[in-house]
Amino acid sequence: MTSLSTTQNPSNGKEGTVTQPANCPYQLFNQEVVWNGKWIQTRQVGFKTSNGQQGVWQSVHRNTKPIEAPADGVSILARVRKEGKLFLVLIKQYRIPCGKLCLELPAGLIDAGETAQQAAIRELKEETGYTSGKVVMESKLCFLDPGLTDDSQCLVVVDVDGDAPENLNPVQVLDSTESIEVLLIEQSKLMAYISNLDSSSIVVESTLLAYAMGIQFATLQ
């Protein structure tokens, strides 16, 4: 259960009486913070159905979202036009929770004072070295795994001139703890590339996979 308001500060680790969110079919009670860390916290809340059945919902929440930010973070769909072809900028990095490498879109958290579009331009530069001066579109707020967490993102589409001098030999600006490999994959070959991955050692992030499947199904119509 996510984004619940209480009569007490939910970060204090104490139980709170829950104000019922609009359109919620359950009676909610006793929300509490189970564990509070630097980056995330875990919560649980009791709920009762209309026929009196009770349960407990456990969830994970970020501690890092600036109050004014439109979402926790951004994923970046960076389209690179280079030598007459259309590529996508992808990244590959090891994800400890998955225990495998993960093929992903560039992504990152929104900093205080940033818009989603500003965060996308910054994160693209930091993670991949590519510079984009053109934002094509920004999606509405969306949630990544709403049964588990209220972790949210905006998907930002940007265009990159791959023939521009600043993008001929892009240089990453990574944090000291980051290890990210950058890939350029032709958009027309994206699904084929994903299908040929060894799933025993690498997984595909869901936003990227949904995009690749959308391209494939659109060509089948």
Protein backbone atom coordinates (compact mmCIF):
# COMPACT_ATOMS: atom_id res chain seq x y z
CA MET A 1 0.00 0.00 0.00
CA THR A 2 1.59 3.27 -1.00
CA SER A 3 1.51 7.03 -0.51
CA LEU A 4 -0.60 6.94 2.64
CA SER A 5 -1.06 9.96 4.88
CA THR A 6 -1.18 9.45 8.66
CA THR A 7 -1.81 11.46 11.76
CA GLN A 8 1.85 10.97 12.68
CA ASN A 9 5.02 11.39 10.67
CA PRO A 10 5.50 7.99 8.95
CA SER A 11 9.29 8.27 9.33
CA ASN A 12 9.14 8.11 13.13
CA GLY A 13 8.74 4.34 13.27
CA LYS A 14 5.50 4.52 15.29
CA GLU A 15 2.05 3.26 14.46
CA GLY A 16 -0.33 5.83 13.03
CA THR A 17 -4.04 6.12 12.33
CA VAL A 18 -4.41 6.19 8.56
CA THR A 19 -6.56 8.73 6.74
CA GLN A 20 -8.45 6.78 4.10
CA PRO A 21 -7.20 7.61 0.57
CA ALA A 22 -9.80 8.42 -2.08
CA ASN A 23 -11.18 5.39 -3.95
CA CYS A 24 -9.53 2.92 -1.55
CA PRO A 25 -11.82 -0.10 -1.05
CA TYR A 26 -10.12 -1.07 2.23
CA GLN A 27 -10.22 0.25 5.76
CA LEU A 28 -6.59 1.02 6.61
CA PHE A 29 -5.09 1.06 10.09
CA ASN A 30 -1.82 0.95 12.04
CA GLN A 31 0.67 2.16 9.44
CA GLU A 32 4.23 1.93 10.75
CA VAL A 33 7.80 2.20 9.54
CA VAL A 34 9.47 -1.19 10.01
CA TRP A 35 12.98 -0.15 8.96
CA ASN A 36 14.47 3.20 7.98
CA GLY A 37 17.76 3.44 6.08
CA LYS A 38 19.76 6.07 4.23
CA TRP A 39 18.06 5.52 0.87
CA ILE A 40 14.86 3.61 1.58
CA GLN A 41 12.41 2.66 4.30
CA THR A 42 10.03 -0.26 4.66
CA ARG A 43 6.49 0.17 5.96
CA GLN A 44 3.50 -1.97 6.73
CA VAL A 45 -0.16 -1.13 7.12
CA GLY A 46 -3.14 -3.17 8.21
CA PHE A 47 -6.19 -3.34 5.95
CA LYS A 48 -9.73 -4.68 6.26
CA THR A 49 -11.98 -5.63 3.35
CA SER A 50 -15.69 -4.83 3.10
CA ASN A 51 -16.54 -8.36 4.30
CA GLY A 52 -14.30 -8.04 7.35
CA GLN A 53 -11.23 -9.97 6.17
CA GLN A 54 -7.97 -8.47 7.46
CA GLY A 55 -4.42 -8.47 6.16
CA VAL A 56 -1.10 -6.63 6.29
CA TRP A 57 0.51 -4.90 3.30
CA GLN A 58 4.29 -4.41 3.37
CA SER A 59 5.99 -1.93 1.05
CA VAL A 60 9.25 -0.14 0.21
CA HIS A 61 9.64 3.65 -0.18
CA ARG A 62 12.52 5.93 -1.16
CA ASN A 63 13.81 8.54 1.29
CA THR A 64 15.42 10.65 -1.43
CA LYS A 65 12.61 12.33 -3.40
CA PRO A 66 12.71 16.15 -3.18
CA ILE A 67 9.33 17.56 -2.18
CA GLU A 68 8.94 19.53 -5.41
CA ALA A 69 10.17 16.78 -7.75
CA PRO A 70 7.63 15.37 -10.24
CA ALA A 71 8.87 11.81 -9.57
CA ASP A 72 11.62 9.92 -7.79
CA GLY A 73 13.64 9.61 -10.97
CA VAL A 74 13.80 9.48 -14.74
CA SER A 75 14.47 6.88 -17.40
CA ILE A 76 15.93 8.25 -20.60
CA LEU A 77 15.08 7.07 -24.10
CA ALA A 78 18.00 8.59 -25.99
CA ARG A 79 17.69 8.33 -29.77
CA VAL A 80 21.02 8.76 -31.52
CA ARG A 81 21.13 9.63 -35.20
CA LYS A 82 24.56 8.68 -36.47
CA GLU A 83 25.82 8.11 -40.00
CA GLY A 84 22.26 7.97 -41.31
CA LYS A 85 21.08 5.32 -38.84
CA LEU A 86 18.92 5.47 -35.70
CA PHE A 87 20.40 4.02 -32.51
CA LEU A 88 19.34 3.82 -28.86
CA VAL A 89 21.73 4.46 -25.99
CA LEU A 90 21.58 1.57 -23.54
CA ILE A 91 23.61 0.72 -20.48
CA LYS A 92 24.68 -2.51 -18.88
CA GLN A 93 25.50 -2.77 -15.18
CA TYR A 94 25.55 -5.37 -12.44
CA ARG A 95 22.52 -5.16 -10.16
CA ILE A 96 23.18 -6.65 -6.74
CA PRO A 97 19.47 -7.31 -5.88
CA CYS A 98 19.08 -9.33 -9.11
CA GLY A 99 22.44 -11.03 -8.83
CA LYS A 100 23.00 -10.47 -12.56
CA LEU A 101 23.98 -7.92 -15.16
CA CYS A 102 21.03 -5.82 -16.30
CA LEU A 103 20.44 -4.19 -19.70
CA GLU A 104 18.71 -0.87 -19.08
CA LEU A 105 17.86 2.59 -20.28
CA PRO A 106 20.03 5.28 -18.73
CA ALA A 107 18.27 6.47 -15.58
CA GLY A 108 18.73 8.26 -12.29
CA LEU A 109 17.16 10.16 -9.44
CA ILE A 110 15.91 13.74 -9.73
CA ASP A 111 17.95 16.17 -7.64
CA ALA A 112 16.50 19.03 -5.62
CA GLY A 113 15.62 21.97 -7.86
CA GLU A 114 15.64 19.91 -11.07
CA THR A 115 12.86 19.23 -13.51
CA ALA A 116 12.53 15.76 -14.99
CA GLN A 117 13.98 17.02 -18.27
CA GLN A 118 16.98 18.61 -16.58
CA ALA A 119 17.63 15.41 -14.66
CA ALA A 120 17.45 13.40 -17.88
CA ILE A 121 20.03 15.56 -19.67
CA ARG A 122 22.35 15.41 -16.65
CA GLU A 123 22.02 11.67 -16.09
CA LEU A 124 22.53 10.90 -19.78
CA LYS A 125 25.78 12.85 -19.74
CA GLU A 126 26.99 11.29 -16.50
CA GLU A 127 26.16 7.67 -17.27
CA THR A 128 26.92 7.58 -21.00
CA GLY A 129 28.90 10.69 -21.91
CA TYR A 130 26.39 11.66 -24.59
CA THR A 131 25.17 15.26 -24.83
CA SER A 132 21.62 16.06 -25.84
CA GLY A 133 20.18 19.50 -26.33
CA LYS A 134 16.74 18.42 -27.51
CA VAL A 135 14.00 16.94 -25.34
CA VAL A 136 11.29 15.36 -27.50
CA MET A 137 8.77 14.51 -24.81
CA GLU A 138 8.25 13.77 -21.12
CA SER A 139 5.80 11.16 -19.92
CA LYS A 140 3.33 11.43 -17.10
CA LEU A 141 4.27 10.11 -13.68
CA CYS A 142 4.36 6.30 -13.65
CA PHE A 143 5.09 3.69 -11.01
CA LEU A 144 7.60 0.90 -11.51
CA ASP A 145 6.23 -1.88 -9.26
CA PRO A 146 3.07 -0.55 -7.56
CA GLY A 147 2.33 -3.71 -5.60
CA LEU A 148 5.66 -3.37 -3.80
CA THR A 149 6.71 0.27 -3.87
CA ASP A 150 5.68 3.83 -4.74
CA ASP A 151 9.02 4.30 -6.55
CA SER A 152 8.12 6.50 -9.52
CA GLN A 153 9.63 7.84 -12.72
CA CYS A 154 9.04 10.02 -15.73
CA LEU A 155 10.20 8.67 -19.07
CA VAL A 156 12.02 11.37 -21.01
CA VAL A 157 12.70 11.02 -24.75
CA VAL A 158 15.70 12.95 -26.06
CA ASP A 159 17.44 13.22 -29.42
CA VAL A 160 21.22 13.05 -29.73
CA ASP A 161 23.26 14.13 -32.73
CA GLY A 162 25.75 11.27 -32.93
CA ASP A 163 27.78 13.07 -35.58
CA ALA A 164 28.32 16.19 -33.47
CA PRO A 165 31.92 16.67 -32.27
CA GLU A 166 30.97 16.35 -28.58
CA ASN A 167 29.40 12.94 -29.25
CA LEU A 168 32.08 11.33 -31.39
CA ASN A 169 34.01 10.05 -28.36
CA PRO A 170 31.67 10.42 -25.36
CA VAL A 171 33.25 10.27 -21.92
CA GLN A 172 31.26 9.16 -18.87
CA VAL A 173 31.22 11.14 -15.61
CA LEU A 174 30.59 8.29 -13.18
CA ASP A 175 30.50 8.23 -9.41
CA SER A 176 33.35 6.34 -7.74
CA THR A 177 31.03 3.38 -6.99
CA GLU A 178 29.51 3.08 -10.47
CA SER A 179 30.54 0.61 -13.16
CA ILE A 180 28.48 1.11 -16.34
CA GLU A 181 29.03 -0.15 -19.88
CA VAL A 182 27.50 1.94 -22.69
CA LEU A 183 26.00 0.36 -25.80
CA LEU A 184 24.61 1.77 -29.04
CA ILE A 185 22.00 -0.56 -30.53
CA GLU A 186 20.16 0.09 -33.78
CA GLN A 187 16.49 0.58 -32.95
CA SER A 188 15.37 -1.72 -35.76
CA LYS A 189 17.50 -4.52 -34.26
CA LEU A 190 16.64 -3.92 -30.59
CA MET A 191 14.31 -6.89 -30.04
CA ALA A 192 16.65 -9.24 -31.86
CA TYR A 193 19.53 -8.08 -29.68
CA ILE A 194 17.48 -8.64 -26.51
CA SER A 195 16.26 -12.06 -27.66
CA ASN A 196 19.84 -13.24 -28.16
CA LEU A 197 20.97 -12.33 -24.65
CA ASP A 198 21.93 -15.15 -22.29
CA SER A 199 19.23 -14.90 -19.63
CA SER A 200 21.30 -16.95 -17.20
CA SER A 201 23.72 -14.05 -16.81
CA ILE A 202 21.86 -10.89 -17.91
CA VAL A 203 18.31 -9.63 -17.46
CA VAL A 204 16.43 -6.78 -19.15
CA GLU A 205 14.88 -3.88 -17.27
CA SER A 206 11.10 -3.79 -17.74
CA THR A 207 10.77 -0.27 -19.23
CA LEU A 208 13.29 -1.13 -21.95
CA LEU A 209 11.68 -4.50 -22.65
CA ALA A 210 8.22 -2.92 -22.95
CA TYR A 211 9.59 -0.39 -25.44
CA ALA A 212 11.27 -3.11 -27.51
CA MET A 213 8.09 -5.21 -27.55
CA GLY A 214 6.07 -2.16 -28.57
CA ILE A 215 8.34 -1.55 -31.56
CA GLN A 216 8.08 -5.19 -32.60
CA PHE A 217 4.31 -5.38 -32.33
CA ALA A 218 3.88 -2.09 -34.20
CA THR A 219 5.78 -3.53 -37.18
CA LEU A 220 3.55 -6.62 -37.17
CA GLN A 221 0.31 -4.67 -37.67
